[in-house]
Amino acid sequence: MQDGRDIQDGSVNTSPPTCPLCHRPNHCDASAANGRCWCFDVQVPAGLLAQLPEDQRNTACICRECIVSFDEESGHKKTSLA
């Protein structure tokens, strides 16, 4: 986020609405009444995060589609997406 907090630690109020990789909607729910997002319970592969410039890491949810595609393309174990 803009204030430097990590979106996946549960301490943020909002997230940019688009995936930083594909620029499609990421369906982030961090700004919902309960302040929880599906990404809080997902381990995003380090190789996928490495595709982002360092200043963009942990600032927005990478969408489910990008995570699944990365897992399929890299042969990694499927990420459990709640």
N, C-alpha and C. Protein backbone atom coordinates (compact mmCIF):
# COMPACT_ATOMS: atom_id res chain seq x y z
N MET A 1 0.83 -1.18 0.00
CA MET A 1 0.00 0.00 0.00
C MET A 1 0.88 1.25 0.00
N GLN A 2 0.26 2.36 -0.20
CA GLN A 2 0.99 3.61 -0.25
C GLN A 2 1.73 3.90 1.05
N ASP A 3 1.17 3.48 2.18
CA ASP A 3 1.81 3.78 3.46
C ASP A 3 2.85 2.74 3.85
N GLY A 4 3.12 1.78 2.96
CA GLY A 4 4.18 0.82 3.20
C GLY A 4 3.76 -0.44 3.94
N ARG A 5 2.49 -0.53 4.34
CA ARG A 5 2.06 -1.73 5.04
C ARG A 5 1.91 -2.88 4.05
N ASP A 6 2.08 -4.08 4.52
CA ASP A 6 1.99 -5.29 3.71
C ASP A 6 0.53 -5.69 3.58
N ILE A 7 0.03 -5.81 2.36
CA ILE A 7 -1.38 -6.14 2.16
C ILE A 7 -1.71 -7.50 2.75
N GLN A 8 -0.76 -8.43 2.78
CA GLN A 8 -1.08 -9.76 3.25
C GLN A 8 -0.96 -9.92 4.75
N ASP A 9 -0.65 -8.87 5.47
CA ASP A 9 -0.60 -9.01 6.93
C ASP A 9 -1.94 -8.64 7.56
N GLY A 10 -2.91 -8.27 6.73
CA GLY A 10 -4.25 -7.98 7.24
C GLY A 10 -4.41 -6.58 7.80
N SER A 11 -3.42 -5.72 7.65
CA SER A 11 -3.48 -4.40 8.28
C SER A 11 -3.86 -3.29 7.31
N VAL A 12 -4.31 -3.63 6.11
CA VAL A 12 -4.61 -2.60 5.13
C VAL A 12 -6.11 -2.42 4.98
N ASN A 13 -6.51 -1.27 4.48
CA ASN A 13 -7.91 -0.98 4.29
C ASN A 13 -8.36 -1.14 2.85
N THR A 14 -7.43 -1.08 1.92
CA THR A 14 -7.79 -1.13 0.52
C THR A 14 -6.62 -1.62 -0.31
N SER A 15 -6.90 -1.96 -1.55
CA SER A 15 -5.90 -2.43 -2.49
C SER A 15 -6.26 -1.88 -3.86
N PRO A 16 -5.28 -1.62 -4.70
CA PRO A 16 -5.63 -1.26 -6.07
C PRO A 16 -6.51 -2.37 -6.66
N PRO A 17 -7.50 -2.00 -7.48
CA PRO A 17 -8.46 -2.99 -7.96
C PRO A 17 -7.97 -3.90 -9.08
N THR A 18 -6.75 -3.69 -9.54
CA THR A 18 -6.26 -4.51 -10.64
C THR A 18 -5.00 -5.28 -10.26
N CYS A 19 -4.84 -6.40 -10.91
CA CYS A 19 -3.65 -7.23 -10.73
C CYS A 19 -2.44 -6.48 -11.29
N PRO A 20 -1.34 -6.43 -10.55
CA PRO A 20 -0.17 -5.71 -11.04
C PRO A 20 0.53 -6.42 -12.20
N LEU A 21 0.15 -7.66 -12.49
CA LEU A 21 0.77 -8.40 -13.60
C LEU A 21 -0.04 -8.31 -14.89
N CYS A 22 -1.34 -8.62 -14.82
CA CYS A 22 -2.15 -8.66 -16.03
C CYS A 22 -3.06 -7.45 -16.18
N HIS A 23 -3.20 -6.67 -15.13
CA HIS A 23 -4.01 -5.45 -15.12
C HIS A 23 -5.51 -5.72 -15.26
N ARG A 24 -5.92 -6.94 -14.97
CA ARG A 24 -7.35 -7.27 -14.92
C ARG A 24 -7.80 -7.15 -13.46
N PRO A 25 -9.12 -7.13 -13.23
CA PRO A 25 -9.61 -7.04 -11.85
C PRO A 25 -9.04 -8.17 -10.99
N ASN A 26 -8.60 -7.82 -9.78
CA ASN A 26 -8.01 -8.83 -8.89
C ASN A 26 -9.01 -9.32 -7.84
N HIS A 27 -10.18 -8.72 -7.78
CA HIS A 27 -11.24 -9.11 -6.85
C HIS A 27 -10.77 -9.06 -5.40
N CYS A 28 -9.98 -8.05 -5.08
CA CYS A 28 -9.50 -7.87 -3.72
C CYS A 28 -10.65 -7.42 -2.83
N ASP A 29 -10.76 -8.05 -1.67
CA ASP A 29 -11.80 -7.71 -0.71
C ASP A 29 -11.25 -7.07 0.55
N ALA A 30 -10.02 -6.58 0.52
CA ALA A 30 -9.40 -6.00 1.71
C ALA A 30 -10.18 -4.79 2.21
N SER A 31 -10.91 -4.12 1.33
CA SER A 31 -11.67 -2.95 1.76
C SER A 31 -13.08 -3.31 2.21
N ALA A 32 -13.43 -4.59 2.19
CA ALA A 32 -14.76 -5.03 2.63
C ALA A 32 -14.92 -4.78 4.13
N ALA A 33 -16.14 -4.87 4.60
CA ALA A 33 -16.44 -4.58 6.01
C ALA A 33 -15.60 -5.41 6.96
N ASN A 34 -15.30 -6.65 6.60
CA ASN A 34 -14.52 -7.50 7.50
C ASN A 34 -13.01 -7.34 7.30
N GLY A 35 -12.59 -6.57 6.28
CA GLY A 35 -11.18 -6.31 6.06
C GLY A 35 -10.37 -7.52 5.67
N ARG A 36 -11.02 -8.55 5.18
CA ARG A 36 -10.33 -9.78 4.78
C ARG A 36 -10.36 -9.91 3.26
N CYS A 37 -9.29 -10.44 2.72
CA CYS A 37 -9.21 -10.71 1.29
C CYS A 37 -8.80 -12.16 1.08
N TRP A 38 -9.22 -12.73 -0.02
CA TRP A 38 -8.85 -14.11 -0.33
C TRP A 38 -7.33 -14.27 -0.35
N CYS A 39 -6.60 -13.22 -0.70
CA CYS A 39 -5.15 -13.33 -0.82
C CYS A 39 -4.46 -13.51 0.53
N PHE A 40 -5.15 -13.17 1.64
CA PHE A 40 -4.53 -13.31 2.96
C PHE A 40 -4.21 -14.77 3.26
N ASP A 41 -4.94 -15.68 2.64
CA ASP A 41 -4.77 -17.11 2.91
C ASP A 41 -4.04 -17.86 1.80
N VAL A 42 -3.43 -17.13 0.88
CA VAL A 42 -2.75 -17.74 -0.26
C VAL A 42 -1.26 -17.46 -0.19
N GLN A 43 -0.47 -18.49 -0.40
CA GLN A 43 0.97 -18.32 -0.50
C GLN A 43 1.30 -18.06 -1.97
N VAL A 44 1.61 -16.82 -2.31
CA VAL A 44 1.95 -16.49 -3.69
C VAL A 44 3.38 -16.96 -3.93
N PRO A 45 3.59 -17.75 -4.99
CA PRO A 45 4.93 -18.27 -5.26
C PRO A 45 5.97 -17.14 -5.40
N ALA A 46 7.13 -17.37 -4.81
CA ALA A 46 8.20 -16.36 -4.84
C ALA A 46 8.59 -16.01 -6.27
N GLY A 47 8.57 -16.98 -7.15
CA GLY A 47 8.92 -16.73 -8.55
C GLY A 47 7.95 -15.79 -9.23
N LEU A 48 6.70 -15.83 -8.82
CA LEU A 48 5.70 -14.93 -9.37
C LEU A 48 5.90 -13.52 -8.82
N LEU A 49 6.13 -13.42 -7.53
CA LEU A 49 6.41 -12.11 -6.93
C LEU A 49 7.66 -11.48 -7.53
N ALA A 50 8.63 -12.30 -7.88
CA ALA A 50 9.89 -11.81 -8.44
C ALA A 50 9.69 -11.13 -9.79
N GLN A 51 8.55 -11.39 -10.43
CA GLN A 51 8.27 -10.75 -11.72
C GLN A 51 7.88 -9.29 -11.56
N LEU A 52 7.58 -8.88 -10.34
CA LEU A 52 7.20 -7.50 -10.08
C LEU A 52 8.41 -6.67 -9.66
N PRO A 53 8.45 -5.41 -10.04
CA PRO A 53 9.49 -4.54 -9.49
C PRO A 53 9.33 -4.51 -7.97
N GLU A 54 10.42 -4.41 -7.25
CA GLU A 54 10.39 -4.48 -5.79
C GLU A 54 9.39 -3.50 -5.17
N ASP A 55 9.28 -2.30 -5.72
CA ASP A 55 8.39 -1.31 -5.13
C ASP A 55 6.91 -1.63 -5.35
N GLN A 56 6.60 -2.63 -6.18
CA GLN A 56 5.21 -3.02 -6.41
C GLN A 56 4.82 -4.28 -5.64
N ARG A 57 5.77 -4.94 -5.01
CA ARG A 57 5.46 -6.16 -4.26
C ARG A 57 4.68 -5.82 -3.00
N ASN A 58 3.69 -6.65 -2.71
CA ASN A 58 2.85 -6.51 -1.51
C ASN A 58 2.07 -5.20 -1.48
N THR A 59 1.74 -4.67 -2.65
CA THR A 59 0.93 -3.46 -2.71
C THR A 59 -0.44 -3.72 -3.31
N ALA A 60 -0.63 -4.86 -3.97
CA ALA A 60 -1.91 -5.21 -4.57
C ALA A 60 -1.99 -6.72 -4.70
N CYS A 61 -3.21 -7.22 -4.70
CA CYS A 61 -3.41 -8.66 -4.89
C CYS A 61 -3.06 -9.04 -6.33
N ILE A 62 -2.25 -10.06 -6.47
CA ILE A 62 -2.08 -10.69 -7.77
C ILE A 62 -3.32 -11.56 -7.95
N CYS A 63 -3.95 -11.49 -9.11
CA CYS A 63 -5.22 -12.19 -9.30
C CYS A 63 -5.04 -13.71 -9.29
N ARG A 64 -6.13 -14.39 -9.00
CA ARG A 64 -6.13 -15.85 -8.95
C ARG A 64 -5.67 -16.45 -10.27
N GLU A 65 -6.11 -15.85 -11.38
CA GLU A 65 -5.77 -16.37 -12.69
C GLU A 65 -4.26 -16.35 -12.93
N CYS A 66 -3.60 -15.29 -12.52
CA CYS A 66 -2.14 -15.22 -12.69
C CYS A 66 -1.44 -16.25 -11.80
N ILE A 67 -1.94 -16.44 -10.59
CA ILE A 67 -1.34 -17.43 -9.69
C ILE A 67 -1.50 -18.83 -10.26
N VAL A 68 -2.71 -19.17 -10.72
CA VAL A 68 -2.95 -20.49 -11.28
C VAL A 68 -2.12 -20.69 -12.55
N SER A 69 -2.08 -19.70 -13.42
CA SER A 69 -1.29 -19.81 -14.65
C SER A 69 0.18 -20.03 -14.35
N PHE A 70 0.70 -19.29 -13.36
CA PHE A 70 2.10 -19.45 -12.99
C PHE A 70 2.35 -20.87 -12.50
N ASP A 71 1.47 -21.37 -11.64
CA ASP A 71 1.62 -22.73 -11.12
C ASP A 71 1.61 -23.75 -12.26
N GLU A 72 0.70 -23.60 -13.20
CA GLU A 72 0.60 -24.54 -14.32
C GLU A 72 1.82 -24.47 -15.23
N GLU A 73 2.26 -23.26 -15.55
CA GLU A 73 3.39 -23.07 -16.45
C GLU A 73 4.72 -23.49 -15.85
N SER A 74 4.83 -23.33 -14.55
CA SER A 74 6.11 -23.65 -13.90
C SER A 74 6.16 -25.06 -13.36
N GLY A 75 5.02 -25.75 -13.41
CA GLY A 75 4.98 -27.12 -12.89
C GLY A 75 4.96 -27.20 -11.39
N HIS A 76 4.70 -26.07 -10.71
CA HIS A 76 4.61 -26.06 -9.27
C HIS A 76 3.34 -26.74 -8.79
N LYS A 77 3.38 -27.17 -7.56
CA LYS A 77 2.18 -27.71 -6.91
C LYS A 77 1.11 -26.64 -6.95
N LYS A 78 -0.10 -27.03 -7.20
CA LYS A 78 -1.22 -26.10 -7.25
C LYS A 78 -1.35 -25.34 -5.95
N THR A 79 -1.50 -24.03 -6.06
CA THR A 79 -1.74 -23.19 -4.91
C THR A 79 -3.18 -23.35 -4.48
N SER A 80 -3.41 -23.51 -3.21
CA SER A 80 -4.77 -23.62 -2.70
C SER A 80 -5.37 -22.23 -2.66
N LEU A 81 -6.41 -22.02 -3.46
CA LEU A 81 -7.07 -20.72 -3.50
C LEU A 81 -8.41 -20.83 -2.81
N ALA A 82 -8.50 -20.22 -1.64
CA ALA A 82 -9.72 -20.28 -0.82
C ALA A 82 -10.88 -19.66 -1.54
